[in-house]
N, C-alpha and C. Protein backbone atom coordinates (compact mmCIF):
# COMPACT_ATOMS: atom_id res chain seq x y z
N UNK A 1 123.31 70.11 105.58
CA UNK A 1 122.71 70.33 106.88
C UNK A 1 121.37 71.11 106.67
N UNK A 2 120.27 70.40 106.85
CA UNK A 2 118.96 71.05 106.76
C UNK A 2 118.47 71.34 108.12
N UNK A 3 117.83 72.47 108.28
CA UNK A 3 117.22 72.80 109.58
C UNK A 3 115.85 73.47 109.33
N UNK A 4 114.92 73.18 110.18
CA UNK A 4 113.59 73.78 110.09
C UNK A 4 113.49 74.90 111.11
N UNK A 5 112.83 75.96 110.69
CA UNK A 5 112.54 77.10 111.63
C UNK A 5 111.08 77.41 111.49
N UNK A 6 110.37 77.27 112.57
CA UNK A 6 108.91 77.32 112.59
C UNK A 6 108.38 78.57 113.24
N UNK A 7 107.31 79.08 112.68
CA UNK A 7 106.54 80.19 113.23
C UNK A 7 105.08 79.88 113.01
N UNK A 8 104.25 80.13 114.01
CA UNK A 8 102.83 79.94 113.87
C UNK A 8 102.13 81.37 113.88
N UNK A 9 101.40 81.65 112.86
CA UNK A 9 100.74 82.95 112.74
C UNK A 9 99.23 82.73 112.94
N UNK A 10 98.61 83.47 113.83
CA UNK A 10 97.18 83.33 114.13
C UNK A 10 96.51 84.63 114.03
N UNK A 11 95.43 84.69 113.22
CA UNK A 11 94.55 85.81 113.09
C UNK A 11 93.11 85.35 113.17
N UNK A 12 92.31 86.04 113.84
CA UNK A 12 90.83 85.77 113.92
C UNK A 12 90.06 86.97 113.60
N UNK A 13 89.06 86.83 112.79
CA UNK A 13 88.14 87.94 112.47
C UNK A 13 87.27 88.25 113.63
N UNK A 14 87.08 89.51 113.94
CA UNK A 14 86.12 89.97 114.89
C UNK A 14 85.28 91.01 114.22
N UNK A 15 84.07 91.19 114.72
CA UNK A 15 83.20 92.20 114.14
C UNK A 15 82.26 91.59 113.05
N UNK A 16 81.60 92.49 112.44
CA UNK A 16 80.58 92.10 111.45
C UNK A 16 81.16 91.66 110.16
N UNK A 17 80.50 90.68 109.49
CA UNK A 17 80.91 90.21 108.14
C UNK A 17 80.89 91.34 107.16
N UNK A 18 79.91 92.27 107.24
CA UNK A 18 79.85 93.35 106.29
C UNK A 18 81.05 94.26 106.44
N UNK A 19 81.56 94.47 107.62
CA UNK A 19 82.73 95.25 107.84
C UNK A 19 83.97 94.63 107.21
N UNK A 20 84.04 93.26 107.36
CA UNK A 20 85.16 92.57 106.73
C UNK A 20 85.15 92.79 105.23
N UNK A 21 84.01 92.61 104.65
CA UNK A 21 83.91 92.68 103.23
C UNK A 21 84.23 94.09 102.66
N UNK A 22 84.13 95.12 103.56
CA UNK A 22 84.50 96.48 103.21
C UNK A 22 85.93 96.80 103.61
N UNK A 23 86.71 95.83 104.10
CA UNK A 23 88.10 96.02 104.52
C UNK A 23 88.26 96.73 105.86
N UNK A 24 87.16 96.76 106.62
CA UNK A 24 87.15 97.46 107.96
C UNK A 24 87.23 96.43 109.02
N UNK A 25 88.47 95.86 109.19
CA UNK A 25 88.66 94.83 110.23
C UNK A 25 90.07 94.96 110.78
N UNK A 26 90.26 94.47 111.95
CA UNK A 26 91.61 94.51 112.58
C UNK A 26 92.52 93.48 111.92
N UNK A 27 93.73 93.91 111.69
CA UNK A 27 94.75 92.99 111.14
C UNK A 27 95.70 92.53 112.22
N UNK A 28 95.38 92.82 113.51
CA UNK A 28 96.20 92.35 114.63
C UNK A 28 96.19 90.82 114.69
N UNK A 29 97.36 90.26 114.97
CA UNK A 29 97.53 88.83 115.03
C UNK A 29 98.68 88.50 115.94
N UNK A 30 99.01 87.22 116.06
CA UNK A 30 100.17 86.83 116.90
C UNK A 30 101.10 85.97 116.12
N UNK A 31 102.39 86.01 116.52
CA UNK A 31 103.37 85.11 116.02
C UNK A 31 103.81 84.30 117.20
N UNK A 32 103.84 83.01 117.05
CA UNK A 32 104.29 82.09 118.10
C UNK A 32 105.45 81.32 117.63
N UNK A 33 106.48 81.14 118.49
CA UNK A 33 107.70 80.48 118.10
C UNK A 33 107.88 79.22 118.96
N UNK A 34 108.72 78.33 118.49
CA UNK A 34 108.85 76.98 119.15
C UNK A 34 109.31 77.07 120.59
N UNK A 35 109.99 78.14 120.99
CA UNK A 35 110.41 78.27 122.37
C UNK A 35 109.36 78.76 123.30
N UNK A 36 108.15 79.11 122.75
CA UNK A 36 107.05 79.52 123.55
C UNK A 36 106.76 81.04 123.56
N UNK A 37 107.65 81.79 122.91
CA UNK A 37 107.39 83.22 122.86
C UNK A 37 106.27 83.53 121.88
N UNK A 38 105.37 84.44 122.38
CA UNK A 38 104.25 84.84 121.55
C UNK A 38 104.37 86.38 121.37
N UNK A 39 104.40 86.84 120.11
CA UNK A 39 104.63 88.24 119.82
C UNK A 39 103.37 88.83 119.17
N UNK A 40 102.85 89.91 119.77
CA UNK A 40 101.73 90.51 119.19
C UNK A 40 102.20 91.27 117.88
N UNK A 41 101.48 91.02 116.77
CA UNK A 41 101.89 91.54 115.51
C UNK A 41 100.73 92.31 114.81
N UNK A 42 101.12 93.11 113.85
CA UNK A 42 100.13 93.91 113.14
C UNK A 42 100.81 94.44 111.86
N UNK A 43 100.09 94.83 110.87
CA UNK A 43 100.72 95.51 109.77
C UNK A 43 101.23 96.88 110.24
N UNK A 44 102.18 97.41 109.56
CA UNK A 44 102.66 98.76 109.87
C UNK A 44 101.58 99.76 109.59
N UNK A 45 101.43 100.76 110.49
CA UNK A 45 100.47 101.82 110.23
C UNK A 45 100.72 102.56 108.94
N UNK A 46 102.04 102.46 108.37
CA UNK A 46 102.27 103.09 107.14
C UNK A 46 101.72 102.30 105.96
N UNK A 47 101.30 101.08 106.26
CA UNK A 47 100.73 100.20 105.21
C UNK A 47 99.20 100.10 105.37
N UNK A 48 98.76 99.88 106.64
CA UNK A 48 97.37 99.82 106.96
C UNK A 48 97.08 100.76 108.14
N UNK A 49 96.21 101.69 107.89
CA UNK A 49 95.94 102.75 108.92
C UNK A 49 95.29 102.18 110.20
N UNK A 50 95.62 102.90 111.30
CA UNK A 50 94.89 102.70 112.55
C UNK A 50 93.46 103.06 112.31
N UNK A 51 92.47 102.41 112.79
CA UNK A 51 92.46 101.43 113.85
C UNK A 51 92.57 100.00 113.32
N UNK A 52 92.85 99.76 112.07
CA UNK A 52 92.94 98.40 111.55
C UNK A 52 94.34 97.84 111.68
N UNK A 53 95.27 98.63 112.25
CA UNK A 53 96.61 98.12 112.64
C UNK A 53 96.87 98.70 114.05
N UNK A 54 97.89 98.12 114.66
CA UNK A 54 98.24 98.61 116.00
C UNK A 54 99.75 98.95 116.05
N UNK A 55 100.07 100.24 116.12
CA UNK A 55 101.47 100.64 116.09
C UNK A 55 102.34 100.11 117.22
N UNK A 56 101.63 99.63 118.33
CA UNK A 56 102.40 99.04 119.47
C UNK A 56 102.95 97.62 119.15
N UNK A 57 102.38 97.00 118.18
CA UNK A 57 102.76 95.64 117.85
C UNK A 57 103.89 95.63 116.83
N UNK A 58 104.58 94.51 116.72
CA UNK A 58 105.66 94.34 115.75
C UNK A 58 105.02 94.16 114.36
N UNK A 59 105.57 94.83 113.38
CA UNK A 59 105.07 94.60 112.01
C UNK A 59 106.11 93.85 111.22
N UNK A 60 105.69 93.20 110.08
CA UNK A 60 106.63 92.33 109.35
C UNK A 60 107.85 93.06 108.85
N UNK A 61 107.70 94.39 108.49
CA UNK A 61 108.83 95.08 108.03
C UNK A 61 109.90 95.34 109.11
N UNK A 62 109.36 95.71 110.29
CA UNK A 62 110.28 95.84 111.46
C UNK A 62 110.99 94.53 111.77
N UNK A 63 110.23 93.44 111.77
CA UNK A 63 110.81 92.14 112.05
C UNK A 63 111.86 91.74 111.01
N UNK A 64 111.64 92.13 109.79
CA UNK A 64 112.65 91.86 108.69
C UNK A 64 113.89 92.60 109.01
N UNK A 65 113.82 93.89 109.33
CA UNK A 65 114.95 94.72 109.68
C UNK A 65 115.67 94.11 110.91
N UNK A 66 114.94 93.74 111.91
CA UNK A 66 115.48 93.21 113.11
C UNK A 66 116.21 91.82 112.84
N UNK A 67 115.64 91.00 111.98
CA UNK A 67 116.27 89.75 111.61
C UNK A 67 117.61 90.00 110.96
N UNK A 68 117.70 90.93 110.05
CA UNK A 68 118.94 91.21 109.40
C UNK A 68 119.93 91.73 110.39
N UNK A 69 119.56 92.68 111.24
CA UNK A 69 120.45 93.28 112.24
C UNK A 69 120.91 92.23 113.28
N UNK A 70 119.99 91.39 113.66
CA UNK A 70 120.30 90.32 114.67
C UNK A 70 121.31 89.35 114.10
N UNK A 71 121.06 88.91 112.88
CA UNK A 71 121.96 87.94 112.23
C UNK A 71 123.38 88.55 112.09
N UNK A 72 123.42 89.76 111.66
CA UNK A 72 124.71 90.46 111.51
C UNK A 72 125.45 90.50 112.85
N UNK A 73 124.74 90.91 113.90
CA UNK A 73 125.32 91.02 115.21
C UNK A 73 125.86 89.64 115.68
N UNK A 74 125.00 88.61 115.61
CA UNK A 74 125.43 87.30 116.07
C UNK A 74 126.65 86.82 115.32
N UNK A 75 126.71 87.06 114.00
CA UNK A 75 127.84 86.61 113.21
C UNK A 75 129.07 87.39 113.54
N UNK A 76 128.94 88.74 113.72
CA UNK A 76 130.00 89.65 114.09
C UNK A 76 130.66 89.21 115.41
N UNK A 77 129.84 89.05 116.41
CA UNK A 77 130.29 88.66 117.75
C UNK A 77 131.02 87.34 117.74
N UNK A 78 130.49 86.38 116.98
CA UNK A 78 131.15 85.04 116.85
C UNK A 78 132.51 85.23 116.18
N UNK A 79 132.57 85.99 115.08
CA UNK A 79 133.85 86.18 114.37
C UNK A 79 134.87 86.88 115.23
N UNK A 80 134.41 87.90 116.01
CA UNK A 80 135.30 88.65 116.86
C UNK A 80 135.94 87.72 117.90
N UNK A 81 135.13 86.90 118.50
CA UNK A 81 135.60 85.96 119.52
C UNK A 81 136.62 84.98 118.93
N UNK A 82 136.37 84.53 117.69
CA UNK A 82 137.30 83.60 117.00
C UNK A 82 138.61 84.28 116.70
N UNK A 83 138.58 85.66 116.54
CA UNK A 83 139.79 86.42 116.22
C UNK A 83 140.47 86.85 117.57
N UNK A 84 139.96 86.43 118.71
CA UNK A 84 140.57 86.84 119.98
C UNK A 84 140.21 88.24 120.44
N UNK A 85 139.13 88.78 119.88
CA UNK A 85 138.65 90.15 120.30
C UNK A 85 137.44 89.96 121.21
N UNK A 86 137.53 90.65 122.38
CA UNK A 86 136.48 90.55 123.34
C UNK A 86 135.48 91.64 123.06
N UNK A 87 134.22 91.28 122.92
CA UNK A 87 133.13 92.24 122.69
C UNK A 87 132.35 92.32 123.98
N UNK A 88 132.24 93.55 124.56
CA UNK A 88 131.49 93.75 125.80
C UNK A 88 130.06 94.18 125.53
N UNK A 89 129.80 94.83 124.43
CA UNK A 89 128.46 95.28 124.10
C UNK A 89 128.30 95.60 122.64
N UNK A 90 127.05 95.51 122.19
CA UNK A 90 126.78 95.75 120.78
C UNK A 90 125.39 96.36 120.70
N UNK A 91 125.26 97.50 120.00
CA UNK A 91 123.94 98.11 119.79
C UNK A 91 123.83 98.51 118.34
N UNK A 92 122.67 98.29 117.77
CA UNK A 92 122.43 98.65 116.39
C UNK A 92 121.09 99.30 116.26
N UNK A 93 121.04 100.47 115.77
CA UNK A 93 119.80 101.17 115.48
C UNK A 93 119.51 101.06 114.01
N UNK A 94 119.16 99.85 113.57
CA UNK A 94 119.00 99.59 112.11
C UNK A 94 117.79 100.25 111.55
N UNK A 95 117.85 100.62 110.31
CA UNK A 95 116.80 101.31 109.59
C UNK A 95 116.50 100.66 108.25
N UNK A 96 115.24 100.28 108.01
CA UNK A 96 114.82 99.76 106.70
C UNK A 96 114.05 100.83 105.92
N UNK A 97 114.30 100.91 104.64
CA UNK A 97 113.61 101.81 103.77
C UNK A 97 112.77 101.06 102.80
N UNK A 98 111.48 101.42 102.76
CA UNK A 98 110.56 100.80 101.83
C UNK A 98 110.35 101.71 100.64
N UNK A 99 110.55 101.15 99.48
CA UNK A 99 110.27 101.86 98.20
C UNK A 99 109.43 100.98 97.32
N UNK A 100 109.27 101.41 96.09
CA UNK A 100 108.55 100.53 95.13
C UNK A 100 109.60 100.04 94.11
N UNK A 101 109.36 98.74 93.80
CA UNK A 101 110.23 98.10 92.82
C UNK A 101 109.84 98.43 91.38
N UNK A 102 110.50 97.83 90.41
CA UNK A 102 110.25 98.07 89.00
C UNK A 102 108.81 97.75 88.58
N UNK A 103 108.11 96.91 89.35
CA UNK A 103 106.70 96.55 89.08
C UNK A 103 105.74 97.44 89.89
N UNK A 104 106.28 98.44 90.61
CA UNK A 104 105.43 99.30 91.40
C UNK A 104 104.95 98.74 92.67
N UNK A 105 105.60 97.60 93.13
CA UNK A 105 105.22 96.93 94.36
C UNK A 105 106.16 97.37 95.51
N UNK A 106 105.55 97.67 96.64
CA UNK A 106 106.38 98.13 97.79
C UNK A 106 107.26 96.96 98.24
N UNK A 107 108.53 97.31 98.63
CA UNK A 107 109.47 96.32 99.24
C UNK A 107 110.49 97.03 100.05
N UNK A 108 111.13 96.32 100.95
CA UNK A 108 112.21 96.90 101.78
C UNK A 108 113.46 96.79 100.92
N UNK A 109 113.80 97.92 100.32
CA UNK A 109 114.94 97.91 99.34
C UNK A 109 116.26 98.05 99.98
N UNK A 110 116.31 98.74 101.12
CA UNK A 110 117.65 98.95 101.76
C UNK A 110 117.45 98.82 103.27
N UNK A 111 118.38 98.17 103.89
CA UNK A 111 118.49 98.12 105.36
C UNK A 111 119.87 98.64 105.70
N UNK A 112 119.91 99.66 106.49
CA UNK A 112 121.22 100.21 106.93
C UNK A 112 121.43 99.85 108.43
N UNK A 113 122.53 99.21 108.65
CA UNK A 113 122.91 98.86 110.05
C UNK A 113 123.84 99.90 110.59
N UNK A 114 123.66 100.31 111.85
CA UNK A 114 124.46 101.27 112.53
C UNK A 114 125.10 100.67 113.78
N UNK A 115 125.89 99.64 113.64
CA UNK A 115 126.38 98.97 114.86
C UNK A 115 127.40 99.80 115.61
N UNK A 116 127.25 99.81 116.95
CA UNK A 116 128.18 100.47 117.82
C UNK A 116 128.68 99.39 118.73
N UNK A 117 129.95 99.06 118.69
CA UNK A 117 130.49 97.91 119.42
C UNK A 117 131.42 98.44 120.51
N UNK A 118 131.26 97.84 121.73
CA UNK A 118 132.19 98.15 122.84
C UNK A 118 133.07 96.91 123.00
N UNK A 119 134.34 97.16 123.13
CA UNK A 119 135.31 96.07 123.27
C UNK A 119 135.92 96.05 124.60
N UNK A 120 136.32 94.94 125.10
CA UNK A 120 137.00 94.77 126.38
C UNK A 120 138.40 94.16 126.15
N UNK A 121 139.13 94.10 127.20
CA UNK A 121 140.49 93.54 127.11
C UNK A 121 141.38 94.42 126.42
N UNK A 122 142.54 93.89 126.09
CA UNK A 122 143.66 94.64 125.46
C UNK A 122 143.68 94.58 123.95
N UNK A 123 142.78 93.76 123.36
CA UNK A 123 142.91 93.45 121.91
C UNK A 123 141.79 94.11 121.12
N UNK A 124 141.46 95.32 121.36
CA UNK A 124 140.43 95.98 120.57
C UNK A 124 140.92 96.17 119.14
N UNK A 125 140.05 95.93 118.17
CA UNK A 125 140.43 96.02 116.80
C UNK A 125 140.67 97.49 116.34
N UNK A 126 141.53 97.65 115.30
CA UNK A 126 141.66 98.92 114.65
C UNK A 126 140.39 99.12 113.79
N UNK A 127 140.22 100.35 113.34
CA UNK A 127 139.10 100.67 112.51
C UNK A 127 139.03 99.74 111.30
N UNK A 128 140.21 99.50 110.66
CA UNK A 128 140.27 98.60 109.51
C UNK A 128 139.93 97.14 109.86
N UNK A 129 140.39 96.73 111.03
CA UNK A 129 140.06 95.33 111.48
C UNK A 129 138.56 95.17 111.76
N UNK A 130 137.99 96.23 112.39
CA UNK A 130 136.56 96.21 112.61
C UNK A 130 135.77 96.19 111.34
N UNK A 131 136.19 97.01 110.36
CA UNK A 131 135.48 96.98 109.07
C UNK A 131 135.57 95.65 108.43
N UNK A 132 136.71 95.03 108.50
CA UNK A 132 136.90 93.67 107.95
C UNK A 132 135.98 92.68 108.67
N UNK A 133 135.84 92.75 109.97
CA UNK A 133 134.95 91.85 110.70
C UNK A 133 133.49 92.10 110.23
N UNK A 134 133.07 93.33 110.05
CA UNK A 134 131.73 93.64 109.58
C UNK A 134 131.53 93.07 108.19
N UNK A 135 132.51 93.23 107.32
CA UNK A 135 132.40 92.67 106.00
C UNK A 135 132.24 91.20 106.02
N UNK A 136 133.03 90.50 106.86
CA UNK A 136 132.95 89.03 106.92
C UNK A 136 131.66 88.65 107.53
N UNK A 137 131.21 89.36 108.51
CA UNK A 137 129.86 89.04 109.15
C UNK A 137 128.79 89.12 108.12
N UNK A 138 128.89 90.14 107.26
CA UNK A 138 127.85 90.28 106.26
C UNK A 138 127.88 89.14 105.28
N UNK A 139 129.12 88.77 104.91
CA UNK A 139 129.29 87.62 103.91
C UNK A 139 128.79 86.32 104.50
N UNK A 140 128.87 86.14 105.81
CA UNK A 140 128.46 84.89 106.44
C UNK A 140 127.07 84.88 107.01
N UNK A 141 126.43 86.00 107.13
CA UNK A 141 125.08 86.10 107.78
C UNK A 141 124.08 85.32 106.88
N UNK A 142 123.38 84.40 107.52
CA UNK A 142 122.39 83.57 106.82
C UNK A 142 121.30 84.41 106.27
N UNK A 143 120.79 85.41 107.03
CA UNK A 143 119.68 86.23 106.47
C UNK A 143 120.13 87.11 105.37
N UNK A 144 121.33 87.71 105.50
CA UNK A 144 121.81 88.53 104.40
C UNK A 144 121.97 87.70 103.06
N UNK A 145 122.34 86.50 103.20
CA UNK A 145 122.44 85.59 102.09
C UNK A 145 121.12 85.07 101.54
N UNK A 146 120.05 85.43 102.22
CA UNK A 146 118.74 84.96 101.85
C UNK A 146 117.80 86.01 101.21
N UNK A 147 118.30 87.22 101.13
CA UNK A 147 117.48 88.35 100.64
C UNK A 147 118.12 89.14 99.56
N UNK A 148 117.36 89.81 98.77
CA UNK A 148 117.92 90.71 97.71
C UNK A 148 117.99 92.15 98.13
N UNK A 149 117.49 92.48 99.35
CA UNK A 149 117.59 93.81 99.88
C UNK A 149 119.09 94.21 100.06
N UNK A 150 119.34 95.44 99.64
CA UNK A 150 120.69 95.95 99.87
C UNK A 150 120.91 96.20 101.35
N UNK A 151 122.05 95.72 101.87
CA UNK A 151 122.33 95.85 103.28
C UNK A 151 123.65 96.68 103.39
N UNK A 152 123.53 97.84 104.08
CA UNK A 152 124.68 98.73 104.24
C UNK A 152 125.07 98.75 105.73
N UNK A 153 126.40 98.69 105.99
CA UNK A 153 126.86 98.69 107.39
C UNK A 153 127.62 99.99 107.61
N UNK A 154 127.19 100.83 108.52
CA UNK A 154 127.82 102.07 108.85
C UNK A 154 128.31 101.96 110.28
N UNK A 155 129.50 101.53 110.51
CA UNK A 155 130.03 101.16 111.82
C UNK A 155 130.99 102.28 112.35
N UNK A 156 131.01 102.33 113.67
CA UNK A 156 132.03 103.17 114.28
C UNK A 156 132.38 102.59 115.65
N UNK A 157 133.61 102.66 116.00
CA UNK A 157 134.07 102.11 117.30
C UNK A 157 133.38 102.87 118.43
N UNK A 158 133.04 102.06 119.52
CA UNK A 158 132.51 102.67 120.71
C UNK A 158 131.14 102.89 120.66
């Protein structure tokens, strides 16, 4: 089963050519997706200083962390439903840590997920069952299977 996932990235230079050649230009750009959503994007201010970045925009590292957390959540909720467990809410304050690799290049080496799940109905899982669901969600998550970043799940009921 092959599937395509498309994103259109658009950046336009503004300002003087001489500023561009000196690295003094805005890196703000947009991400557009097939459903019509357009997201203002920018490098992280920790990578490119303001005013050449915009901290209000999504940066690639944040999007990477969000993609991992979102994939884990979607897989977890699916697996819980298949197990007869009702999920009423799910929140994750995921954190990505950027370090340098063995070549001295920055990369997102670890993403820690902090999911807090609210359950409904009479069939809330035990702590061990919830841990098992998170483990299985990690094993089945498409994004987790696509990256070499270490992904840690620190879950607690409620």
